[in-house]
Amino acid sequence: MKRRDFLKGGVAGAACAVAGGFSGRRPAAFGGTQVSAAPPSLPTVRLGTLEVSRFILGSNPFWGYSHKSAALDEEMKRFHTDERIMQILDEAAECGVTALASPPDERWVRLWARYLDAGGRLKIWISQCHGQPNQMLTEIERSVKGGAKAVFIQGQRVEEQFDAGRFDVLRSWLDRIKEAGLPAGCAAHNPEIHPELERRKFPTDFYYQCFYYASKSSDYSAAEREKAVATILKIDKPVVAYKILAAGRLPASEGFEYAFNRIRRKDGVCVGIYAQHAIDQIRQNATFTGLLSA
């Protein structure tokens, strides 16, 4: 199916029609039959020297960051046992996803090592350092030692330094990542930050841009999304758009179509999945990525 047919037919219906082509099975993580097959090839983007699938798996649901309610946070944390997380990673790899983003918390670093030792198929971890400023260098070191292939500073931490004018502190974190030989990036909710870092010639290889200014606003408005897109279009380096589904408030068909119709081919998306209620989310999102990138 070509992109024009996909858009003409509607993203939701088209995704359902072609999703079986990605793995042709129900996810083994949730009672299906595991089938060994070569994963499909998704379009890729480059984060500095690192090539990753244009759809990067997010990890917020794994750790209970729902951005909706405390009750949902707890539900997500209960559901995502280590075993389920590892199964989801393999399911993502089956669908052509090559990378995920996760904070370098100790549980995750242990789980990542265990997953790889057991022959896990998804091989690229992008570390999202989110600790307090006095812990940031420690988190970067843990990321490097734990096998991260790229590292970026979480949006809230970037914004704290930006708002306080501590550009030297932020630059020192990025310098440490670069010293380790890894691609370095910054995330932000505020759409004014990344263009300013570019103006100051910060040593970044890529950026993560939230579609919504969620740290300051909870209304997830269309106007916020438009501002985020305007920022992404100003930046020549690769940008990964995140919260494109407004933390689960938008259907995937709408969120993916909006994002891929506006960001450039060099840019990607990072989307987490909560598989308890929709086990085919990864396959659908991979389908959207493949068709909308064509």
C-alpha atoms as a PDB file:
ATOM      1  CA  MET A   1       0.000   0.000   0.000  1.00  0.00           C
ATOM      2  CA  LYS A   2       1.385   3.377  -1.006  1.00  0.00           C
ATOM      3  CA  ARG A   3       1.265   6.459   1.172  1.00  0.00           C
ATOM      4  CA  ARG A   4      -1.367   8.219  -0.947  1.00  0.00           C
ATOM      5  CA  ASP A   5      -3.673   5.182  -0.694  1.00  0.00           C
ATOM      6  CA  PHE A   6      -3.004   4.992   3.022  1.00  0.00           C
ATOM      7  CA  LEU A   7      -4.015   8.610   3.544  1.00  0.00           C
ATOM      8  CA  LYS A   8      -6.990   8.364   1.214  1.00  0.00           C
ATOM      9  CA  GLY A   9      -8.286   5.287   2.992  1.00  0.00           C
ATOM     10  CA  GLY A  10      -7.744   6.643   6.482  1.00  0.00           C
ATOM     11  CA  VAL A  11      -4.872   5.733   8.718  1.00  0.00           C
ATOM     12  CA  ALA A  12      -6.800   3.548  11.154  1.00  0.00           C
ATOM     13  CA  GLY A  13      -8.375   1.325   8.521  1.00  0.00           C
ATOM     14  CA  ALA A  14      -5.190   1.091   6.506  1.00  0.00           C
ATOM     15  CA  ALA A  15      -3.150   0.144   9.541  1.00  0.00           C
ATOM     16  CA  CYS A  16      -5.548  -2.650  10.421  1.00  0.00           C
ATOM     17  CA  ALA A  17      -5.372  -3.888   6.836  1.00  0.00           C
ATOM     18  CA  VAL A  18      -1.597  -4.103   6.687  1.00  0.00           C
ATOM     19  CA  ALA A  19      -0.531  -4.658  10.293  1.00  0.00           C
ATOM     20  CA  GLY A  20      -0.471  -8.407   9.819  1.00  0.00           C
ATOM     21  CA  GLY A  21       2.322  -7.932   7.330  1.00  0.00           C
ATOM     22  CA  PHE A  22       4.658  -6.801  10.072  1.00  0.00           C
ATOM     23  CA  SER A  23       4.678 -10.025  12.055  1.00  0.00           C
ATOM     24  CA  GLY A  24       1.491 -11.874  11.151  1.00  0.00           C
ATOM     25  CA  ARG A  25       0.809 -13.047  14.679  1.00  0.00           C
ATOM     26  CA  ARG A  26      -0.531 -12.140  18.061  1.00  0.00           C
ATOM     27  CA  PRO A  27       2.253 -10.896  20.369  1.00  0.00           C
ATOM     28  CA  ALA A  28       3.869 -13.758  22.268  1.00  0.00           C
ATOM     29  CA  ALA A  29       4.065 -11.487  25.303  1.00  0.00           C
ATOM     30  CA  PHE A  30       0.322 -11.751  25.746  1.00  0.00           C
ATOM     31  CA  GLY A  31      -0.538 -15.346  24.950  1.00  0.00           C
ATOM     32  CA  GLY A  32       0.259 -15.570  21.252  1.00  0.00           C
ATOM     33  CA  THR A  33       2.612 -17.909  19.445  1.00  0.00           C
ATOM     34  CA  GLN A  34       6.214 -16.796  19.045  1.00  0.00           C
ATOM     35  CA  VAL A  35       7.317 -16.951  15.423  1.00  0.00           C
ATOM     36  CA  SER A  36      10.955 -16.592  14.449  1.00  0.00           C
ATOM     37  CA  ALA A  37      11.219 -14.394  11.393  1.00  0.00           C
ATOM     38  CA  ALA A  38      13.342 -11.580  10.084  1.00  0.00           C
ATOM     39  CA  PRO A  39      11.884  -8.248  11.240  1.00  0.00           C
ATOM     40  CA  PRO A  40      10.591  -5.831   8.614  1.00  0.00           C
ATOM     41  CA  SER A  41      12.701  -2.847   7.700  1.00  0.00           C
ATOM     42  CA  LEU A  42      11.410   0.443   9.044  1.00  0.00           C
ATOM     43  CA  PRO A  43      12.686   3.808   7.755  1.00  0.00           C
ATOM     44  CA  THR A  44      15.596   5.134   9.783  1.00  0.00           C
ATOM     45  CA  VAL A  45      17.004   8.429  11.020  1.00  0.00           C
ATOM     46  CA  ARG A  46      20.487   9.291  12.247  1.00  0.00           C
ATOM     47  CA  LEU A  47      21.188  10.666  15.708  1.00  0.00           C
ATOM     48  CA  GLY A  48      24.718  11.811  15.085  1.00  0.00           C
ATOM     49  CA  THR A  49      26.565   8.635  14.111  1.00  0.00           C
ATOM     50  CA  LEU A  50      23.799   6.358  15.383  1.00  0.00           C
ATOM     51  CA  GLU A  51      21.203   5.006  12.950  1.00  0.00           C
ATOM     52  CA  VAL A  52      17.860   4.072  14.514  1.00  0.00           C
ATOM     53  CA  SER A  53      14.349   3.280  13.359  1.00  0.00           C
ATOM     54  CA  ARG A  54      12.241   6.369  12.753  1.00  0.00           C
ATOM     55  CA  PHE A  55       9.825   5.083  15.395  1.00  0.00           C
ATOM     56  CA  ILE A  56      11.659   4.784  18.727  1.00  0.00           C
ATOM     57  CA  LEU A  57       9.930   2.953  21.546  1.00  0.00           C
ATOM     58  CA  GLY A  58       9.314   5.119  24.612  1.00  0.00           C
ATOM     59  CA  SER A  59       9.385   3.778  28.159  1.00  0.00           C
ATOM     60  CA  ASN A  60       7.138   6.077  30.210  1.00  0.00           C
ATOM     61  CA  PRO A  61       4.427   3.403  30.621  1.00  0.00           C
ATOM     62  CA  PHE A  62       7.037   0.917  31.907  1.00  0.00           C
ATOM     63  CA  TRP A  63       7.822   3.135  34.876  1.00  0.00           C
ATOM     64  CA  GLY A  64       4.328   4.479  35.583  1.00  0.00           C
ATOM     65  CA  TYR A  65       4.592   7.937  34.042  1.00  0.00           C
ATOM     66  CA  SER A  66       1.076   8.174  32.621  1.00  0.00           C
ATOM     67  CA  HIS A  67       0.714  11.965  32.765  1.00  0.00           C
ATOM     68  CA  LYS A  68      -2.938  11.328  33.568  1.00  0.00           C
ATOM     69  CA  SER A  69      -3.522  10.136  37.115  1.00  0.00           C
ATOM     70  CA  ALA A  70      -1.835   8.576  40.113  1.00  0.00           C
ATOM     71  CA  ALA A  71      -4.139   5.577  39.803  1.00  0.00           C
ATOM     72  CA  LEU A  72      -3.045   4.941  36.219  1.00  0.00           C
ATOM     73  CA  ASP A  73       0.590   5.420  37.236  1.00  0.00           C
ATOM     74  CA  GLU A  74       0.238   2.605  39.757  1.00  0.00           C
ATOM     75  CA  GLU A  75      -1.641   0.398  37.322  1.00  0.00           C
ATOM     76  CA  MET A  76       1.137   0.771  34.763  1.00  0.00           C
ATOM     77  CA  LYS A  77       3.837  -0.029  37.307  1.00  0.00           C
ATOM     78  CA  ARG A  78       2.034  -3.180  38.453  1.00  0.00           C
ATOM     79  CA  PHE A  79       1.516  -4.408  34.917  1.00  0.00           C
ATOM     80  CA  HIS A  80       5.062  -3.863  33.687  1.00  0.00           C
ATOM     81  CA  THR A  81       7.039  -6.590  35.360  1.00  0.00           C
ATOM     82  CA  ASP A  82      10.580  -7.184  34.141  1.00  0.00           C
ATOM     83  CA  GLU A  83       9.368 -10.182  32.138  1.00  0.00           C
ATOM     84  CA  ARG A  84       6.629  -8.201  30.401  1.00  0.00           C
ATOM     85  CA  ILE A  85       9.017  -5.379  29.559  1.00  0.00           C
ATOM     86  CA  MET A  86      11.444  -7.830  27.956  1.00  0.00           C
ATOM     87  CA  GLN A  87       8.624  -9.403  25.970  1.00  0.00           C
ATOM     88  CA  ILE A  88       7.505  -5.973  24.748  1.00  0.00           C
ATOM     89  CA  LEU A  89      11.056  -5.175  23.648  1.00  0.00           C
ATOM     90  CA  ASP A  90      11.178  -8.349  21.584  1.00  0.00           C
ATOM     91  CA  GLU A  91       7.763  -7.596  20.111  1.00  0.00           C
ATOM     92  CA  ALA A  92       9.025  -4.155  19.083  1.00  0.00           C
ATOM     93  CA  ALA A  93      12.046  -5.732  17.409  1.00  0.00           C
ATOM     94  CA  GLU A  94       9.719  -8.136  15.568  1.00  0.00           C
ATOM     95  CA  CYS A  95       8.004  -5.078  14.113  1.00  0.00           C
ATOM     96  CA  GLY A  96      11.244  -3.460  12.927  1.00  0.00           C
ATOM     97  CA  VAL A  97      11.839  -1.090  15.846  1.00  0.00           C
ATOM     98  CA  THR A  98      15.570  -0.912  16.578  1.00  0.00           C
ATOM     99  CA  ALA A  99      15.785   1.450  19.578  1.00  0.00           C
ATOM    100  CA  LEU A 100      14.101   2.504  22.765  1.00  0.00           C
ATOM    101  CA  ALA A 101      14.604   5.436  25.126  1.00  0.00           C
ATOM    102  CA  SER A 102      14.699   4.926  28.889  1.00  0.00           C
ATOM    103  CA  PRO A 103      16.178   6.637  31.945  1.00  0.00           C
ATOM    104  CA  PRO A 104      19.316   4.949  33.314  1.00  0.00           C
ATOM    105  CA  ASP A 105      17.734   3.993  36.623  1.00  0.00           C
ATOM    106  CA  GLU A 106      19.358   1.030  38.337  1.00  0.00           C
ATOM    107  CA  ARG A 107      16.406  -1.298  37.716  1.00  0.00           C
ATOM    108  CA  TRP A 108      16.533  -0.546  34.008  1.00  0.00           C
ATOM    109  CA  VAL A 109      20.312  -0.981  33.714  1.00  0.00           C
ATOM    110  CA  ARG A 110      20.079  -4.407  35.369  1.00  0.00           C
ATOM    111  CA  LEU A 111      17.102  -5.344  33.208  1.00  0.00           C
ATOM    112  CA  TRP A 112      18.834  -4.218  30.005  1.00  0.00           C
ATOM    113  CA  ALA A 113      21.897  -6.345  30.792  1.00  0.00           C
ATOM    114  CA  ARG A 114      19.680  -9.327  31.575  1.00  0.00           C
ATOM    115  CA  TYR A 115      17.689  -8.825  28.387  1.00  0.00           C
ATOM    116  CA  LEU A 116      20.782  -8.687  26.175  1.00  0.00           C
ATOM    117  CA  ASP A 117      22.371 -11.676  27.928  1.00  0.00           C
ATOM    118  CA  ALA A 118      19.209 -13.673  27.189  1.00  0.00           C
ATOM    119  CA  GLY A 119      19.489 -12.886  23.470  1.00  0.00           C
ATOM    120  CA  GLY A 120      17.072  -9.957  23.323  1.00  0.00           C
ATOM    121  CA  ARG A 121      16.489  -8.767  19.782  1.00  0.00           C
ATOM    122  CA  LEU A 122      16.233  -5.019  20.331  1.00  0.00           C
ATOM    123  CA  LYS A 123      19.833  -3.802  20.564  1.00  0.00           C
ATOM    124  CA  ILE A 124      19.879  -0.011  20.949  1.00  0.00           C
ATOM    125  CA  TRP A 125      19.218   1.838  24.194  1.00  0.00           C
ATOM    126  CA  ILE A 126      19.077   5.646  24.120  1.00  0.00           C
ATOM    127  CA  SER A 127      19.529   6.913  27.667  1.00  0.00           C
ATOM    128  CA  GLN A 128      17.347   9.736  28.979  1.00  0.00           C
ATOM    129  CA  CYS A 129      19.214  11.170  31.975  1.00  0.00           C
ATOM    130  CA  HIS A 130      16.682  12.660  34.375  1.00  0.00           C
ATOM    131  CA  GLY A 131      18.369  12.833  37.775  1.00  0.00           C
ATOM    132  CA  GLN A 132      18.835  15.885  39.963  1.00  0.00           C
ATOM    133  CA  PRO A 133      21.624  18.194  38.768  1.00  0.00           C
ATOM    134  CA  ASN A 134      24.046  16.836  41.361  1.00  0.00           C
ATOM    135  CA  GLN A 135      23.348  13.322  40.063  1.00  0.00           C
ATOM    136  CA  MET A 136      23.563  14.054  36.362  1.00  0.00           C
ATOM    137  CA  LEU A 137      27.205  13.126  35.793  1.00  0.00           C
ATOM    138  CA  THR A 138      26.619   9.902  37.722  1.00  0.00           C
ATOM    139  CA  GLU A 139      23.656   9.091  35.478  1.00  0.00           C
ATOM    140  CA  ILE A 140      25.717   9.788  32.380  1.00  0.00           C
ATOM    141  CA  GLU A 141      28.445   7.456  33.662  1.00  0.00           C
ATOM    142  CA  ARG A 142      25.858   4.766  34.440  1.00  0.00           C
ATOM    143  CA  SER A 143      24.488   5.141  30.923  1.00  0.00           C
ATOM    144  CA  VAL A 144      27.904   4.743  29.351  1.00  0.00           C
ATOM    145  CA  LYS A 145      28.833   1.727  31.479  1.00  0.00           C
ATOM    146  CA  GLY A 146      25.382   0.184  30.970  1.00  0.00           C
ATOM    147  CA  GLY A 147      25.737   0.146  27.189  1.00  0.00           C
ATOM    148  CA  ALA A 148      23.691   3.134  26.034  1.00  0.00           C
ATOM    149  CA  LYS A 149      24.367   4.022  22.395  1.00  0.00           C
ATOM    150  CA  ALA A 150      23.323   7.685  22.787  1.00  0.00           C
ATOM    151  CA  VAL A 151      22.438   9.941  25.718  1.00  0.00           C
ATOM    152  CA  PHE A 152      20.186  12.963  26.073  1.00  0.00           C
ATOM    153  CA  ILE A 153      19.226  15.184  28.993  1.00  0.00           C
ATOM    154  CA  GLN A 154      15.572  15.022  30.018  1.00  0.00           C
ATOM    155  CA  GLY A 155      13.391  18.036  29.271  1.00  0.00           C
ATOM    156  CA  GLN A 156      12.679  19.125  32.832  1.00  0.00           C
ATOM    157  CA  ARG A 157      16.393  19.145  33.679  1.00  0.00           C
ATOM    158  CA  VAL A 158      17.254  21.086  30.541  1.00  0.00           C
ATOM    159  CA  GLU A 159      14.542  23.638  31.319  1.00  0.00           C
ATOM    160  CA  GLU A 160      15.755  24.132  34.880  1.00  0.00           C
ATOM    161  CA  GLN A 161      19.214  25.085  33.659  1.00  0.00           C
ATOM    162  CA  PHE A 162      17.824  27.161  30.790  1.00  0.00           C
ATOM    163  CA  ASP A 163      15.476  29.133  33.039  1.00  0.00           C
ATOM    164  CA  ALA A 164      18.289  29.821  35.516  1.00  0.00           C
ATOM    165  CA  GLY A 165      20.716  30.848  32.776  1.00  0.00           C
ATOM    166  CA  ARG A 166      23.120  28.049  33.740  1.00  0.00           C
ATOM    167  CA  PHE A 167      24.194  27.275  30.200  1.00  0.00           C
ATOM    168  CA  ASP A 168      27.668  26.308  31.398  1.00  0.00           C
ATOM    169  CA  VAL A 169      26.217  23.493  33.527  1.00  0.00           C
ATOM    170  CA  LEU A 170      24.125  22.158  30.668  1.00  0.00           C
ATOM    171  CA  ARG A 171      27.067  22.360  28.291  1.00  0.00           C
ATOM    172  CA  SER A 172      29.263  20.447  30.755  1.00  0.00           C
ATOM    173  CA  TRP A 173      26.804  17.548  30.763  1.00  0.00           C
ATOM    174  CA  LEU A 174      26.806  17.393  26.989  1.00  0.00           C
ATOM    175  CA  ASP A 175      30.598  17.618  26.908  1.00  0.00           C
ATOM    176  CA  ARG A 176      30.804  14.592  29.182  1.00  0.00           C
ATOM    177  CA  ILE A 177      28.567  12.575  26.870  1.00  0.00           C
ATOM    178  CA  LYS A 178      30.702  13.568  23.896  1.00  0.00           C
ATOM    179  CA  GLU A 179      33.891  12.668  25.763  1.00  0.00           C
ATOM    180  CA  ALA A 180      32.478   9.160  26.109  1.00  0.00           C
ATOM    181  CA  GLY A 181      32.161   8.998  22.321  1.00  0.00           C
ATOM    182  CA  LEU A 182      28.369   8.934  22.241  1.00  0.00           C
ATOM    183  CA  PRO A 183      25.844  11.098  20.384  1.00  0.00           C
ATOM    184  CA  ALA A 184      24.509  13.757  22.767  1.00  0.00           C
ATOM    185  CA  GLY A 185      21.129  15.456  22.868  1.00  0.00           C
ATOM    186  CA  CYS A 186      18.732  17.628  24.825  1.00  0.00           C
ATOM    187  CA  ALA A 187      15.002  17.347  25.331  1.00  0.00           C
ATOM    188  CA  ALA A 188      12.535  20.141  26.026  1.00  0.00           C
ATOM    189  CA  HIS A 189       8.847  20.906  26.351  1.00  0.00           C
ATOM    190  CA  ASN A 190       9.411  24.641  25.907  1.00  0.00           C
ATOM    191  CA  PRO A 191       9.659  25.285  22.145  1.00  0.00           C
ATOM    192  CA  GLU A 192      12.037  28.204  22.642  1.00  0.00           C
ATOM    193  CA  ILE A 193      14.907  26.197  24.084  1.00  0.00           C
ATOM    194  CA  HIS A 194      16.384  24.199  21.226  1.00  0.00           C
ATOM    195  CA  PRO A 195      16.711  27.127  18.808  1.00  0.00           C
ATOM    196  CA  GLU A 196      18.556  29.044  21.530  1.00  0.00           C
ATOM    197  CA  LEU A 197      20.914  26.128  22.149  1.00  0.00           C
ATOM    198  CA  GLU A 198      21.602  26.022  18.439  1.00  0.00           C
ATOM    199  CA  ARG A 199      22.285  29.756  18.413  1.00  0.00           C
ATOM    200  CA  ARG A 200      24.792  29.190  21.215  1.00  0.00           C
ATOM    201  CA  LYS A 201      26.383  26.349  19.229  1.00  0.00           C
ATOM    202  CA  PHE A 202      25.814  23.697  21.859  1.00  0.00           C
ATOM    203  CA  PRO A 203      27.574  20.359  21.129  1.00  0.00           C
ATOM    204  CA  THR A 204      24.350  18.469  20.426  1.00  0.00           C
ATOM    205  CA  ASP A 205      23.843  15.796  17.786  1.00  0.00           C
ATOM    206  CA  PHE A 206      20.068  15.625  18.131  1.00  0.00           C
ATOM    207  CA  TYR A 207      17.090  16.958  20.062  1.00  0.00           C
ATOM    208  CA  TYR A 208      13.906  15.575  21.618  1.00  0.00           C
ATOM    209  CA  GLN A 209      11.001  18.016  21.272  1.00  0.00           C
ATOM    210  CA  CYS A 210       7.736  17.503  23.158  1.00  0.00           C
ATOM    211  CA  PHE A 211       4.621  18.271  21.137  1.00  0.00           C
ATOM    212  CA  TYR A 212       3.087  19.889  24.230  1.00  0.00           C
ATOM    213  CA  TYR A 213       4.421  22.272  26.859  1.00  0.00           C
ATOM    214  CA  ALA A 214       3.387  19.727  29.461  1.00  0.00           C
ATOM    215  CA  SER A 215       5.654  20.993  32.218  1.00  0.00           C
ATOM    216  CA  LYS A 216       3.725  24.277  32.302  1.00  0.00           C
ATOM    217  CA  SER A 217       0.331  23.367  30.892  1.00  0.00           C
ATOM    218  CA  SER A 218      -1.974  20.371  31.090  1.00  0.00           C
ATOM    219  CA  ASP A 219      -4.477  21.284  28.398  1.00  0.00           C
ATOM    220  CA  TYR A 220      -2.580  19.611  25.510  1.00  0.00           C
ATOM    221  CA  SER A 221      -3.856  22.207  23.097  1.00  0.00           C
ATOM    222  CA  ALA A 222      -3.486  22.212  19.321  1.00  0.00           C
ATOM    223  CA  ALA A 223      -1.727  25.582  19.579  1.00  0.00           C
ATOM    224  CA  GLU A 224       1.050  24.017  21.689  1.00  0.00           C
ATOM    225  CA  ARG A 225       1.509  21.314  19.103  1.00  0.00           C
ATOM    226  CA  GLU A 226       1.803  23.841  16.292  1.00  0.00           C
ATOM    227  CA  LYS A 227       4.492  25.753  18.198  1.00  0.00           C
ATOM    228  CA  ALA A 228       6.446  22.551  18.701  1.00  0.00           C
ATOM    229  CA  VAL A 229       6.303  21.742  15.004  1.00  0.00           C
ATOM    230  CA  ALA A 230       7.455  25.267  14.126  1.00  0.00           C
ATOM    231  CA  THR A 231      10.491  24.727  16.361  1.00  0.00           C
ATOM    232  CA  ILE A 232      11.290  21.351  14.805  1.00  0.00           C
ATOM    233  CA  LEU A 233      11.192  22.875  11.337  1.00  0.00           C
ATOM    234  CA  LYS A 234      13.769  25.488  12.358  1.00  0.00           C
ATOM    235  CA  ILE A 235      16.388  22.949  13.362  1.00  0.00           C
ATOM    236  CA  ASP A 236      18.712  21.283  10.876  1.00  0.00           C
ATOM    237  CA  LYS A 237      19.840  18.552  13.275  1.00  0.00           C
ATOM    238  CA  PRO A 238      17.639  15.487  13.748  1.00  0.00           C
ATOM    239  CA  VAL A 239      14.713  16.013  16.105  1.00  0.00           C
ATOM    240  CA  VAL A 240      12.697  13.264  17.779  1.00  0.00           C
ATOM    241  CA  ALA A 241       9.126  14.367  18.474  1.00  0.00           C
ATOM    242  CA  TYR A 242       7.593  12.942  21.640  1.00  0.00           C
ATOM    243  CA  LYS A 243       4.166  12.935  23.262  1.00  0.00           C
ATOM    244  CA  ILE A 244       2.745  13.014  19.747  1.00  0.00           C
ATOM    245  CA  LEU A 245      -0.348  11.238  21.126  1.00  0.00           C
ATOM    246  CA  ALA A 246      -0.760  13.804  23.933  1.00  0.00           C
ATOM    247  CA  ALA A 247       0.066  11.154  26.554  1.00  0.00           C
ATOM    248  CA  GLY A 248      -2.669   8.840  25.296  1.00  0.00           C
ATOM    249  CA  ARG A 249      -5.292  11.517  24.707  1.00  0.00           C
ATOM    250  CA  LEU A 250      -5.218  11.156  20.910  1.00  0.00           C
ATOM    251  CA  PRO A 251      -5.725   8.017  18.815  1.00  0.00           C
ATOM    252  CA  ALA A 252      -2.513   6.758  17.259  1.00  0.00           C
ATOM    253  CA  SER A 253      -3.893   7.219  13.742  1.00  0.00           C
ATOM    254  CA  GLU A 254      -4.381  10.949  14.295  1.00  0.00           C
ATOM    255  CA  GLY A 255      -1.130  11.518  16.171  1.00  0.00           C
ATOM    256  CA  PHE A 256       1.119   9.690  13.726  1.00  0.00           C
ATOM    257  CA  GLU A 257      -0.515  11.214  10.661  1.00  0.00           C
ATOM    258  CA  TYR A 258      -0.184  14.729  12.072  1.00  0.00           C
ATOM    259  CA  ALA A 259       3.453  14.215  13.055  1.00  0.00           C
ATOM    260  CA  PHE A 260       4.683  12.615   9.850  1.00  0.00           C
ATOM    261  CA  ASN A 261       2.832  15.100   7.672  1.00  0.00           C
ATOM    262  CA  ARG A 262       4.745  17.952   9.326  1.00  0.00           C
ATOM    263  CA  ILE A 263       8.175  16.896  10.527  1.00  0.00           C
ATOM    264  CA  ARG A 264      10.930  16.349   8.003  1.00  0.00           C
ATOM    265  CA  ARG A 265      12.351  13.042   6.804  1.00  0.00           C
ATOM    266  CA  LYS A 266      15.425  13.472   9.029  1.00  0.00           C
ATOM    267  CA  ASP A 267      13.187  13.536  12.126  1.00  0.00           C
ATOM    268  CA  GLY A 268      11.638  10.699  14.100  1.00  0.00           C
ATOM    269  CA  VAL A 269       9.095  10.021  16.829  1.00  0.00           C
ATOM    270  CA  CYS A 270       9.293   8.388  20.256  1.00  0.00           C
ATOM    271  CA  VAL A 271       6.102   6.708  21.469  1.00  0.00           C
ATOM    272  CA  GLY A 272       5.510   4.424  24.427  1.00  0.00           C
ATOM    273  CA  ILE A 273       2.830   1.739  24.528  1.00  0.00           C
ATOM    274  CA  TYR A 274       0.621   0.404  27.288  1.00  0.00           C
ATOM    275  CA  ALA A 275      -0.048  -3.100  26.070  1.00  0.00           C
ATOM    276  CA  GLN A 276      -2.471  -4.186  28.783  1.00  0.00           C
ATOM    277  CA  HIS A 277      -5.452  -2.748  26.917  1.00  0.00           C
ATOM    278  CA  ALA A 278      -4.235  -2.765  23.298  1.00  0.00           C
ATOM    279  CA  ILE A 279      -1.755  -5.516  22.556  1.00  0.00           C
ATOM    280  CA  ASP A 280      -1.271  -4.537  18.902  1.00  0.00           C
ATOM    281  CA  GLN A 281      -0.111  -0.980  19.585  1.00  0.00           C
ATOM    282  CA  ILE A 282       3.494  -1.618  18.575  1.00  0.00           C
ATOM    283  CA  ARG A 283       2.510  -3.239  15.300  1.00  0.00           C
ATOM    284  CA  GLN A 284       0.064  -0.454  14.505  1.00  0.00           C
ATOM    285  CA  ASN A 285       2.620   2.253  15.271  1.00  0.00           C
ATOM    286  CA  ALA A 286       5.234   0.518  13.142  1.00  0.00           C
ATOM    287  CA  THR A 287       2.692   0.294  10.334  1.00  0.00           C
ATOM    288  CA  PHE A 288       1.907   3.997  10.576  1.00  0.00           C
ATOM    289  CA  THR A 289       5.621   4.806  10.505  1.00  0.00           C
ATOM    290  CA  GLY A 290       6.324   2.683   7.470  1.00  0.00           C
ATOM    291  CA  LEU A 291       3.409   3.905   5.402  1.00  0.00           C
ATOM    292  CA  LEU A 292       3.545   7.566   6.325  1.00  0.00           C
ATOM    293  CA  SER A 293       7.296   7.685   5.622  1.00  0.00           C
ATOM    294  CA  ALA A 294       6.903   6.268   2.107  1.00  0.00           C
END
